[in-house]
Amino acid sequence: MLRPIPMAHVDLDGAWPQGILARHVDARGWGPKLRYSATPELLDSFYADIRENLGHFTLFGSGDFHHLSAVWLRGLEAPTTLISFDNHPDWDVRPPDWGCGGWINRALELPNVSRAAVWGCGNFELNWPHRLFGNQVALAAGRLEVHPWAERIGRSARKRWPGLAREHWRARFSQFAKTLAGERVYVTVDLDCLQKGEAVTNWESGLFTASDIAWALHDLHGAGAEIVGGDLCGAWSRPRHARFKQWLSSYLDHPRQPAVDPTEAARVNERAMRIIWRALTAGYEEHAGADEQYAHP
């Protein structure tokens, strides 16, 4: 039986057009304060301001806001496995504590998150010595696992994490999905896990396609995992920051990229979003009523 469940577009930065989902939450006044990093007090105030408008599935802006996934997770009521599709592990233990590069750690601090698995990461953070800044305690305890692309990491990293290859990653993921049969799962997707041409983001590109992510989500459903919530972020938007330190840290951390055509970026990202969103919310949206579905399919 399909279940009605609310979905919301939390608009922080104009990354997605108004009306892309029927439920639009205007949070653009919060965007510059929260982008890239924020204080715990700001996050608490933000959550208190919008929590009544949130759904179990959230569409929001640039990957610069991915730390908000740890805010959306506060609404879960029982132990849940977190699955992240991301080009970055987001496991950094250095300050700022509440930043897009370390939000997995904040999620693992929640009593309702039992463990986390990151699929598709493949940047320098897994190579020596950068991986020393990852959450070693969670890795050792088995509460955090990463599944990187073998071709994107160095030899020493491949000794620790055998890595994914394009020809066999689906078989590896199916084995993983079977371990989640009967379990509650929350899935977050950052569009920077997609390869160039599939998405336009503020970060480096990964190697998945939108269809790959949709396949993985359907595989989770097929394996008997219960996807109780999820989110999608990562669409490009022009950066705006409220604080100088926040802007400087963000500027130094981001890769230098060529100029972006906002119109083309929106077109490419909306196509990817629709493929992934339908798979993420499968089993919910058709029964949810017109006000909880796409405003314009």
C-alpha atoms as a PDB file:
ATOM      1  CA  MET A   1       0.000   0.000   0.000  1.00  0.00           C
ATOM      2  CA  LEU A   2       1.338   3.423  -0.915  1.00  0.00           C
ATOM      3  CA  ARG A   3       1.673   5.772   2.035  1.00  0.00           C
ATOM      4  CA  PRO A   4       1.036   9.504   2.098  1.00  0.00           C
ATOM      5  CA  ILE A   5       4.035  11.415   3.363  1.00  0.00           C
ATOM      6  CA  PRO A   6       5.006  15.086   3.096  1.00  0.00           C
ATOM      7  CA  MET A   7       7.836  16.323   0.912  1.00  0.00           C
ATOM      8  CA  ALA A   8       9.295  19.807   0.990  1.00  0.00           C
ATOM      9  CA  HIS A   9      11.530  22.044  -1.079  1.00  0.00           C
ATOM     10  CA  VAL A  10      13.516  24.119   1.433  1.00  0.00           C
ATOM     11  CA  ASP A  11      14.682  27.056  -0.667  1.00  0.00           C
ATOM     12  CA  LEU A  12      17.923  28.449   0.763  1.00  0.00           C
ATOM     13  CA  ASP A  13      19.664  29.819  -2.313  1.00  0.00           C
ATOM     14  CA  GLY A  14      17.482  29.646  -5.412  1.00  0.00           C
ATOM     15  CA  ALA A  15      19.298  26.519  -6.616  1.00  0.00           C
ATOM     16  CA  TRP A  16      15.934  25.021  -7.593  1.00  0.00           C
ATOM     17  CA  PRO A  17      13.010  26.910  -9.149  1.00  0.00           C
ATOM     18  CA  GLN A  18      10.019  27.703  -6.983  1.00  0.00           C
ATOM     19  CA  GLY A  19       7.288  25.237  -7.833  1.00  0.00           C
ATOM     20  CA  ILE A  20       9.566  22.287  -8.524  1.00  0.00           C
ATOM     21  CA  LEU A  21       7.747  20.640  -5.607  1.00  0.00           C
ATOM     22  CA  ALA A  22       4.312  21.684  -4.433  1.00  0.00           C
ATOM     23  CA  ARG A  23       5.480  22.396  -0.892  1.00  0.00           C
ATOM     24  CA  HIS A  24       7.878  25.349  -1.014  1.00  0.00           C
ATOM     25  CA  VAL A  25       9.530  26.612   2.181  1.00  0.00           C
ATOM     26  CA  ASP A  26      11.121  30.027   1.668  1.00  0.00           C
ATOM     27  CA  ALA A  27      14.320  29.955   3.749  1.00  0.00           C
ATOM     28  CA  ARG A  28      16.399  32.282   1.581  1.00  0.00           C
ATOM     29  CA  GLY A  29      16.864  34.638   4.502  1.00  0.00           C
ATOM     30  CA  TRP A  30      18.726  31.835   6.263  1.00  0.00           C
ATOM     31  CA  GLY A  31      20.865  30.826   3.294  1.00  0.00           C
ATOM     32  CA  PRO A  32      23.863  33.180   3.642  1.00  0.00           C
ATOM     33  CA  LYS A  33      24.050  32.475   7.391  1.00  0.00           C
ATOM     34  CA  LEU A  34      24.127  28.706   6.943  1.00  0.00           C
ATOM     35  CA  ARG A  35      26.143  28.259   3.751  1.00  0.00           C
ATOM     36  CA  TYR A  36      29.276  26.102   4.099  1.00  0.00           C
ATOM     37  CA  SER A  37      29.329  26.366   7.923  1.00  0.00           C
ATOM     38  CA  ALA A  38      27.249  27.583  10.834  1.00  0.00           C
ATOM     39  CA  THR A  39      27.263  27.690  14.611  1.00  0.00           C
ATOM     40  CA  PRO A  40      25.204  25.195  16.623  1.00  0.00           C
ATOM     41  CA  GLU A  41      23.083  28.090  17.880  1.00  0.00           C
ATOM     42  CA  LEU A  42      22.239  29.171  14.329  1.00  0.00           C
ATOM     43  CA  LEU A  43      21.307  25.614  13.370  1.00  0.00           C
ATOM     44  CA  ASP A  44      19.047  25.272  16.410  1.00  0.00           C
ATOM     45  CA  SER A  45      17.303  28.547  15.602  1.00  0.00           C
ATOM     46  CA  PHE A  46      16.902  27.560  11.963  1.00  0.00           C
ATOM     47  CA  TYR A  47      15.413  24.181  12.879  1.00  0.00           C
ATOM     48  CA  ALA A  48      12.994  25.745  15.339  1.00  0.00           C
ATOM     49  CA  ASP A  49      11.914  28.210  12.645  1.00  0.00           C
ATOM     50  CA  ILE A  50      11.083  25.681   9.924  1.00  0.00           C
ATOM     51  CA  ARG A  51      10.575  22.289  11.562  1.00  0.00           C
ATOM     52  CA  GLU A  52       6.784  22.443  11.265  1.00  0.00           C
ATOM     53  CA  ASN A  53       7.119  22.825   7.483  1.00  0.00           C
ATOM     54  CA  LEU A  54       9.521  19.955   6.924  1.00  0.00           C
ATOM     55  CA  GLY A  55       8.699  16.678   5.245  1.00  0.00           C
ATOM     56  CA  HIS A  56      10.336  13.292   5.507  1.00  0.00           C
ATOM     57  CA  PHE A  57      11.869  13.963   2.088  1.00  0.00           C
ATOM     58  CA  THR A  58      13.666  17.263   1.567  1.00  0.00           C
ATOM     59  CA  LEU A  59      14.931  18.944  -1.571  1.00  0.00           C
ATOM     60  CA  PHE A  60      17.374  21.754  -0.804  1.00  0.00           C
ATOM     61  CA  GLY A  61      20.160  23.770  -2.352  1.00  0.00           C
ATOM     62  CA  SER A  62      23.868  23.623  -3.056  1.00  0.00           C
ATOM     63  CA  GLY A  63      26.100  20.958  -1.542  1.00  0.00           C
ATOM     64  CA  ASP A  64      27.465  23.840   0.530  1.00  0.00           C
ATOM     65  CA  PHE A  65      24.394  23.169   2.706  1.00  0.00           C
ATOM     66  CA  HIS A  66      24.846  19.411   3.028  1.00  0.00           C
ATOM     67  CA  HIS A  67      25.388  19.720   6.785  1.00  0.00           C
ATOM     68  CA  LEU A  68      21.661  20.444   7.016  1.00  0.00           C
ATOM     69  CA  SER A  69      21.074  16.744   6.383  1.00  0.00           C
ATOM     70  CA  ALA A  70      22.081  16.238  10.021  1.00  0.00           C
ATOM     71  CA  VAL A  71      19.312  18.701  10.908  1.00  0.00           C
ATOM     72  CA  TRP A  72      16.669  16.891   8.836  1.00  0.00           C
ATOM     73  CA  LEU A  73      17.713  13.654  10.571  1.00  0.00           C
ATOM     74  CA  ARG A  74      16.580  15.026  13.927  1.00  0.00           C
ATOM     75  CA  GLY A  75      13.016  14.211  12.952  1.00  0.00           C
ATOM     76  CA  LEU A  76      13.585  10.444  12.844  1.00  0.00           C
ATOM     77  CA  GLU A  77      11.997   8.488  15.663  1.00  0.00           C
ATOM     78  CA  ALA A  78      13.890   5.182  15.641  1.00  0.00           C
ATOM     79  CA  PRO A  79      17.386   3.854  14.880  1.00  0.00           C
ATOM     80  CA  THR A  80      18.156   4.299  11.196  1.00  0.00           C
ATOM     81  CA  THR A  81      21.031   3.568   8.814  1.00  0.00           C
ATOM     82  CA  LEU A  82      22.241   6.615   6.909  1.00  0.00           C
ATOM     83  CA  ILE A  83      23.318   6.105   3.291  1.00  0.00           C
ATOM     84  CA  SER A  84      25.037   8.970   1.501  1.00  0.00           C
ATOM     85  CA  PHE A  85      25.809   9.165  -2.206  1.00  0.00           C
ATOM     86  CA  ASP A  86      28.520  11.791  -2.317  1.00  0.00           C
ATOM     87  CA  ASN A  87      31.836  12.548  -4.011  1.00  0.00           C
ATOM     88  CA  HIS A  88      33.199  13.477  -0.568  1.00  0.00           C
ATOM     89  CA  PRO A  89      33.213  11.466   2.681  1.00  0.00           C
ATOM     90  CA  ASP A  90      32.234  14.549   4.758  1.00  0.00           C
ATOM     91  CA  TRP A  91      33.964  12.985   7.757  1.00  0.00           C
ATOM     92  CA  ASP A  92      36.441  15.744   8.730  1.00  0.00           C
ATOM     93  CA  VAL A  93      36.889  16.074  12.492  1.00  0.00           C
ATOM     94  CA  ARG A  94      38.461  19.530  12.342  1.00  0.00           C
ATOM     95  CA  PRO A  95      36.518  22.726  12.965  1.00  0.00           C
ATOM     96  CA  PRO A  96      34.028  23.945  12.065  1.00  0.00           C
ATOM     97  CA  ASP A  97      32.005  21.195  13.703  1.00  0.00           C
ATOM     98  CA  TRP A  98      28.905  22.226  11.763  1.00  0.00           C
ATOM     99  CA  GLY A  99      30.177  22.401   8.210  1.00  0.00           C
ATOM    100  CA  CYS A 100      29.435  20.622   4.957  1.00  0.00           C
ATOM    101  CA  GLY A 101      32.788  18.784   5.175  1.00  0.00           C
ATOM    102  CA  GLY A 102      32.135  17.154   8.543  1.00  0.00           C
ATOM    103  CA  TRP A 103      28.383  16.723   8.836  1.00  0.00           C
ATOM    104  CA  ILE A 104      28.524  12.897   8.857  1.00  0.00           C
ATOM    105  CA  ASN A 105      30.049  13.198  12.331  1.00  0.00           C
ATOM    106  CA  ARG A 106      27.119  15.301  13.527  1.00  0.00           C
ATOM    107  CA  ALA A 107      24.710  12.721  12.133  1.00  0.00           C
ATOM    108  CA  LEU A 108      26.498   9.902  13.982  1.00  0.00           C
ATOM    109  CA  GLU A 109      26.079  11.832  17.236  1.00  0.00           C
ATOM    110  CA  LEU A 110      22.301  11.541  16.935  1.00  0.00           C
ATOM    111  CA  PRO A 111      20.732   8.728  18.976  1.00  0.00           C
ATOM    112  CA  ASN A 112      18.522   7.723  16.044  1.00  0.00           C
ATOM    113  CA  VAL A 113      21.414   7.136  13.576  1.00  0.00           C
ATOM    114  CA  SER A 114      22.984   3.717  14.082  1.00  0.00           C
ATOM    115  CA  ARG A 115      25.595   3.855  11.311  1.00  0.00           C
ATOM    116  CA  ALA A 116      26.497   5.607   8.072  1.00  0.00           C
ATOM    117  CA  ALA A 117      27.769   4.435   4.694  1.00  0.00           C
ATOM    118  CA  VAL A 118      29.123   6.764   1.998  1.00  0.00           C
ATOM    119  CA  TRP A 119      29.046   5.536  -1.610  1.00  0.00           C
ATOM    120  CA  GLY A 120      30.894   7.030  -4.557  1.00  0.00           C
ATOM    121  CA  CYS A 121      33.413   9.251  -2.809  1.00  0.00           C
ATOM    122  CA  GLY A 122      36.612   9.709  -4.750  1.00  0.00           C
ATOM    123  CA  ASN A 123      38.610  12.788  -3.862  1.00  0.00           C
ATOM    124  CA  PHE A 124      41.902  13.470  -2.107  1.00  0.00           C
ATOM    125  CA  GLU A 125      40.438  13.117   1.399  1.00  0.00           C
ATOM    126  CA  LEU A 126      40.872   9.342   1.298  1.00  0.00           C
ATOM    127  CA  ASN A 127      44.555   9.568   0.361  1.00  0.00           C
ATOM    128  CA  TRP A 128      47.469   9.873   2.775  1.00  0.00           C
ATOM    129  CA  PRO A 129      47.837  12.024   4.863  1.00  0.00           C
ATOM    130  CA  HIS A 130      44.416  13.670   4.383  1.00  0.00           C
ATOM    131  CA  ARG A 131      42.513  10.619   5.630  1.00  0.00           C
ATOM    132  CA  LEU A 132      44.005  11.191   9.083  1.00  0.00           C
ATOM    133  CA  PHE A 133      41.416  13.956   9.483  1.00  0.00           C
ATOM    134  CA  GLY A 134      38.566  11.477   8.966  1.00  0.00           C
ATOM    135  CA  ASN A 135      36.524  10.138  11.869  1.00  0.00           C
ATOM    136  CA  GLN A 136      38.848   7.307  12.876  1.00  0.00           C
ATOM    137  CA  VAL A 137      36.772   6.365  15.923  1.00  0.00           C
ATOM    138  CA  ALA A 138      33.623   5.782  13.872  1.00  0.00           C
ATOM    139  CA  LEU A 139      35.582   3.907  11.185  1.00  0.00           C
ATOM    140  CA  ALA A 140      37.192   1.596  13.756  1.00  0.00           C
ATOM    141  CA  ALA A 141      33.862   0.947  15.454  1.00  0.00           C
ATOM    142  CA  GLY A 142      32.199   0.032  12.170  1.00  0.00           C
ATOM    143  CA  ARG A 143      29.696   2.881  12.476  1.00  0.00           C
ATOM    144  CA  LEU A 144      31.121   4.599   9.391  1.00  0.00           C
ATOM    145  CA  GLU A 145      32.087   2.922   6.136  1.00  0.00           C
ATOM    146  CA  VAL A 146      33.166   4.396   2.824  1.00  0.00           C
ATOM    147  CA  HIS A 147      32.968   2.909  -0.647  1.00  0.00           C
ATOM    148  CA  PRO A 148      35.187   5.029  -2.910  1.00  0.00           C
ATOM    149  CA  TRP A 149      35.960   4.735  -6.605  1.00  0.00           C
ATOM    150  CA  ALA A 150      39.219   2.807  -6.937  1.00  0.00           C
ATOM    151  CA  GLU A 151      40.344   4.892  -9.893  1.00  0.00           C
ATOM    152  CA  ARG A 152      40.060   8.090  -7.848  1.00  0.00           C
ATOM    153  CA  ILE A 153      42.193   7.072  -4.854  1.00  0.00           C
ATOM    154  CA  GLY A 154      45.849   6.231  -4.376  1.00  0.00           C
ATOM    155  CA  ARG A 155      47.498   2.839  -3.864  1.00  0.00           C
ATOM    156  CA  SER A 156      47.671   3.086  -0.076  1.00  0.00           C
ATOM    157  CA  ALA A 157      43.992   4.034   0.107  1.00  0.00           C
ATOM    158  CA  ARG A 158      43.062   1.041  -2.062  1.00  0.00           C
ATOM    159  CA  LYS A 159      44.796  -1.257   0.434  1.00  0.00           C
ATOM    160  CA  ARG A 160      42.385  -0.035   3.099  1.00  0.00           C
ATOM    161  CA  TRP A 161      39.328   0.359   0.870  1.00  0.00           C
ATOM    162  CA  PRO A 162      39.380  -1.965  -2.175  1.00  0.00           C
ATOM    163  CA  GLY A 163      37.190   0.541  -3.955  1.00  0.00           C
ATOM    164  CA  LEU A 164      34.521   0.401  -6.610  1.00  0.00           C
ATOM    165  CA  ALA A 165      34.995  -0.236 -10.308  1.00  0.00           C
ATOM    166  CA  ARG A 166      32.419   0.749 -12.870  1.00  0.00           C
ATOM    167  CA  GLU A 167      32.022  -2.816 -14.089  1.00  0.00           C
ATOM    168  CA  HIS A 168      31.169  -4.356 -10.696  1.00  0.00           C
ATOM    169  CA  TRP A 169      29.935  -1.643  -8.327  1.00  0.00           C
ATOM    170  CA  ARG A 170      26.274  -2.661  -8.741  1.00  0.00           C
ATOM    171  CA  ALA A 171      27.009  -6.187  -7.555  1.00  0.00           C
ATOM    172  CA  ARG A 172      28.815  -4.746  -4.524  1.00  0.00           C
ATOM    173  CA  PHE A 173      25.915  -2.448  -3.766  1.00  0.00           C
ATOM    174  CA  SER A 174      23.374  -5.287  -4.051  1.00  0.00           C
ATOM    175  CA  GLN A 175      25.335  -7.264  -1.456  1.00  0.00           C
ATOM    176  CA  PHE A 176      25.271  -4.227   0.813  1.00  0.00           C
ATOM    177  CA  ALA A 177      21.534  -3.642   0.242  1.00  0.00           C
ATOM    178  CA  LYS A 178      20.709  -7.217   1.278  1.00  0.00           C
ATOM    179  CA  THR A 179      22.237  -6.553   4.707  1.00  0.00           C
ATOM    180  CA  LEU A 180      19.606  -3.851   5.223  1.00  0.00           C
ATOM    181  CA  ALA A 181      16.537  -6.066   4.708  1.00  0.00           C
ATOM    182  CA  GLY A 182      13.889  -5.062   7.241  1.00  0.00           C
ATOM    183  CA  GLU A 183      15.900  -2.056   8.452  1.00  0.00           C
ATOM    184  CA  ARG A 184      15.040   1.634   8.406  1.00  0.00           C
ATOM    185  CA  VAL A 185      17.153   3.648   5.975  1.00  0.00           C
ATOM    186  CA  TYR A 186      17.608   7.368   5.340  1.00  0.00           C
ATOM    187  CA  VAL A 187      19.228   8.281   2.007  1.00  0.00           C
ATOM    188  CA  THR A 188      20.944  11.543   1.147  1.00  0.00           C
ATOM    189  CA  VAL A 189      22.119  12.345  -2.376  1.00  0.00           C
ATOM    190  CA  ASP A 190      24.568  15.116  -3.230  1.00  0.00           C
ATOM    191  CA  LEU A 191      24.578  15.803  -6.965  1.00  0.00           C
ATOM    192  CA  ASP A 192      28.364  16.135  -6.902  1.00  0.00           C
ATOM    193  CA  CYS A 193      28.432  12.316  -6.857  1.00  0.00           C
ATOM    194  CA  LEU A 194      27.368  12.514 -10.532  1.00  0.00           C
ATOM    195  CA  GLN A 195      29.785  12.716 -13.428  1.00  0.00           C
ATOM    196  CA  LYS A 196      30.324  15.830 -15.523  1.00  0.00           C
ATOM    197  CA  GLY A 197      27.423  16.458 -17.847  1.00  0.00           C
ATOM    198  CA  GLU A 198      24.964  14.861 -15.413  1.00  0.00           C
ATOM    199  CA  ALA A 199      24.966  17.722 -12.891  1.00  0.00           C
ATOM    200  CA  VAL A 200      26.402  21.201 -12.356  1.00  0.00           C
ATOM    201  CA  THR A 201      27.549  21.761  -8.764  1.00  0.00           C
ATOM    202  CA  ASN A 202      29.797  23.960  -6.639  1.00  0.00           C
ATOM    203  CA  TRP A 203      32.251  21.074  -6.147  1.00  0.00           C
ATOM    204  CA  GLU A 204      34.208  18.421  -8.027  1.00  0.00           C
ATOM    205  CA  SER A 205      32.292  15.798  -9.991  1.00  0.00           C
ATOM    206  CA  GLY A 206      31.965  12.113  -9.175  1.00  0.00           C
ATOM    207  CA  LEU A 207      31.423   9.098 -11.442  1.00  0.00           C
ATOM    208  CA  PHE A 208      27.790   8.031 -10.991  1.00  0.00           C
ATOM    209  CA  THR A 209      24.960   8.845 -13.385  1.00  0.00           C
ATOM    210  CA  ALA A 210      21.487   9.856 -12.248  1.00  0.00           C
ATOM    211  CA  SER A 211      20.245   6.511 -13.539  1.00  0.00           C
ATOM    212  CA  ASP A 212      22.874   4.752 -11.393  1.00  0.00           C
ATOM    213  CA  ILE A 213      21.494   6.408  -8.273  1.00  0.00           C
ATOM    214  CA  ALA A 214      17.921   5.576  -9.263  1.00  0.00           C
ATOM    215  CA  TRP A 215      18.973   1.943  -9.773  1.00  0.00           C
ATOM    216  CA  ALA A 216      20.602   1.827  -6.313  1.00  0.00           C
ATOM    217  CA  LEU A 217      17.493   3.263  -4.666  1.00  0.00           C
ATOM    218  CA  HIS A 218      15.249   0.731  -6.383  1.00  0.00           C
ATOM    219  CA  ASP A 219      17.689  -1.998  -5.313  1.00  0.00           C
ATOM    220  CA  LEU A 220      17.330  -0.910  -1.678  1.00  0.00           C
ATOM    221  CA  HIS A 221      13.560  -1.164  -2.000  1.00  0.00           C
ATOM    222  CA  GLY A 222      13.873  -4.550  -3.673  1.00  0.00           C
ATOM    223  CA  ALA A 223      16.163  -5.863  -0.938  1.00  0.00           C
ATOM    224  CA  GLY A 224      13.544  -5.069   1.688  1.00  0.00           C
ATOM    225  CA  ALA A 225      15.041  -1.926   3.209  1.00  0.00           C
ATOM    226  CA  GLU A 226      12.487   0.619   4.406  1.00  0.00           C
ATOM    227  CA  ILE A 227      13.438   4.072   3.135  1.00  0.00           C
ATOM    228  CA  VAL A 228      11.801   6.221   5.804  1.00  0.00           C
ATOM    229  CA  GLY A 229      13.192   9.528   4.592  1.00  0.00           C
ATOM    230  CA  GLY A 230      15.801  11.200   2.496  1.00  0.00           C
ATOM    231  CA  ASP A 231      17.051  14.344   0.856  1.00  0.00           C
ATOM    232  CA  LEU A 232      18.684  15.642  -2.292  1.00  0.00           C
ATOM    233  CA  CYS A 233      21.047  18.605  -2.574  1.00  0.00           C
ATOM    234  CA  GLY A 234      24.038  19.700  -4.620  1.00  0.00           C
ATOM    235  CA  ALA A 235      22.637  21.914  -7.375  1.00  0.00           C
ATOM    236  CA  TRP A 236      24.864  24.855  -8.270  1.00  0.00           C
ATOM    237  CA  SER A 237      24.043  28.289  -6.874  1.00  0.00           C
ATOM    238  CA  ARG A 238      25.963  31.533  -6.624  1.00  0.00           C
ATOM    239  CA  PRO A 239      27.643  31.662  -3.180  1.00  0.00           C
ATOM    240  CA  ARG A 240      26.489  34.240  -0.658  1.00  0.00           C
ATOM    241  CA  HIS A 241      27.860  34.317   2.890  1.00  0.00           C
ATOM    242  CA  ALA A 242      26.937  36.317   5.972  1.00  0.00           C
ATOM    243  CA  ARG A 243      30.352  36.271   7.713  1.00  0.00           C
ATOM    244  CA  PHE A 244      33.868  36.972   6.483  1.00  0.00           C
ATOM    245  CA  LYS A 245      35.429  33.915   8.175  1.00  0.00           C
ATOM    246  CA  GLN A 246      32.719  31.745   6.659  1.00  0.00           C
ATOM    247  CA  TRP A 247      33.389  33.194   3.193  1.00  0.00           C
ATOM    248  CA  LEU A 248      37.178  32.839   3.512  1.00  0.00           C
ATOM    249  CA  SER A 249      37.056  29.193   4.630  1.00  0.00           C
ATOM    250  CA  SER A 250      34.640  28.399   1.834  1.00  0.00           C
ATOM    251  CA  TYR A 251      36.734  30.188  -0.779  1.00  0.00           C
ATOM    252  CA  LEU A 252      39.909  28.337   0.217  1.00  0.00           C
ATOM    253  CA  ASP A 253      38.170  24.956   0.289  1.00  0.00           C
ATOM    254  CA  HIS A 254      36.300  25.089  -2.996  1.00  0.00           C
ATOM    255  CA  PRO A 255      37.868  23.996  -6.277  1.00  0.00           C
ATOM    256  CA  ARG A 256      38.366  26.665  -8.910  1.00  0.00           C
ATOM    257  CA  GLN A 257      35.770  26.158 -11.622  1.00  0.00           C
ATOM    258  CA  PRO A 258      34.961  27.693 -15.012  1.00  0.00           C
ATOM    259  CA  ALA A 259      32.096  30.147 -15.288  1.00  0.00           C
ATOM    260  CA  VAL A 260      28.644  28.590 -14.979  1.00  0.00           C
ATOM    261  CA  ASP A 261      25.610  29.381 -17.139  1.00  0.00           C
ATOM    262  CA  PRO A 262      22.797  29.426 -14.533  1.00  0.00           C
ATOM    263  CA  THR A 263      20.103  28.598 -17.086  1.00  0.00           C
ATOM    264  CA  GLU A 264      21.945  25.571 -18.416  1.00  0.00           C
ATOM    265  CA  ALA A 265      22.878  24.470 -14.904  1.00  0.00           C
ATOM    266  CA  ALA A 266      19.225  24.567 -13.865  1.00  0.00           C
ATOM    267  CA  ARG A 267      18.187  22.517 -16.896  1.00  0.00           C
ATOM    268  CA  VAL A 268      20.807  19.825 -16.316  1.00  0.00           C
ATOM    269  CA  ASN A 269      20.201  19.611 -12.586  1.00  0.00           C
ATOM    270  CA  GLU A 270      16.425  19.440 -12.856  1.00  0.00           C
ATOM    271  CA  ARG A 271      16.700  16.487 -15.207  1.00  0.00           C
ATOM    272  CA  ALA A 272      18.915  14.622 -12.719  1.00  0.00           C
ATOM    273  CA  MET A 273      16.694  15.606  -9.819  1.00  0.00           C
ATOM    274  CA  ARG A 274      13.549  14.196 -11.399  1.00  0.00           C
ATOM    275  CA  ILE A 275      15.200  10.843 -12.132  1.00  0.00           C
ATOM    276  CA  ILE A 276      16.565  10.507  -8.595  1.00  0.00           C
ATOM    277  CA  TRP A 277      13.606  12.006  -6.719  1.00  0.00           C
ATOM    278  CA  ARG A 278      11.089   9.587  -8.171  1.00  0.00           C
ATOM    279  CA  ALA A 279      13.269   6.650  -7.140  1.00  0.00           C
ATOM    280  CA  LEU A 280      13.941   8.109  -3.689  1.00  0.00           C
ATOM    281  CA  THR A 281      10.245   8.604  -2.938  1.00  0.00           C
ATOM    282  CA  ALA A 282       8.980   5.453  -4.665  1.00  0.00           C
ATOM    283  CA  GLY A 283       6.029   4.003  -2.785  1.00  0.00           C
ATOM    284  CA  TYR A 284       4.955   7.358  -1.390  1.00  0.00           C
ATOM    285  CA  GLU A 285       4.281  10.098  -3.924  1.00  0.00           C
ATOM    286  CA  GLU A 286       1.540   8.535  -6.049  1.00  0.00           C
ATOM    287  CA  HIS A 287      -0.773   8.227  -3.041  1.00  0.00           C
ATOM    288  CA  ALA A 288       0.236  11.469  -1.392  1.00  0.00           C
ATOM    289  CA  GLY A 289      -2.299  13.754  -3.053  1.00  0.00           C
ATOM    290  CA  ALA A 290      -1.699  16.557  -5.504  1.00  0.00           C
ATOM    291  CA  ASP A 291      -0.387  18.960  -2.890  1.00  0.00           C
ATOM    292  CA  GLU A 292       2.480  16.585  -2.002  1.00  0.00           C
ATOM    293  CA  GLN A 293       3.562  15.617  -5.503  1.00  0.00           C
ATOM    294  CA  TYR A 294       5.370  17.478  -8.226  1.00  0.00           C
ATOM    295  CA  ALA A 295       3.736  20.759  -9.037  1.00  0.00           C
ATOM    296  CA  HIS A 296       4.408  20.054 -12.738  1.00  0.00           C
ATOM    297  CA  PRO A 297       5.397  16.472 -13.599  1.00  0.00           C
END
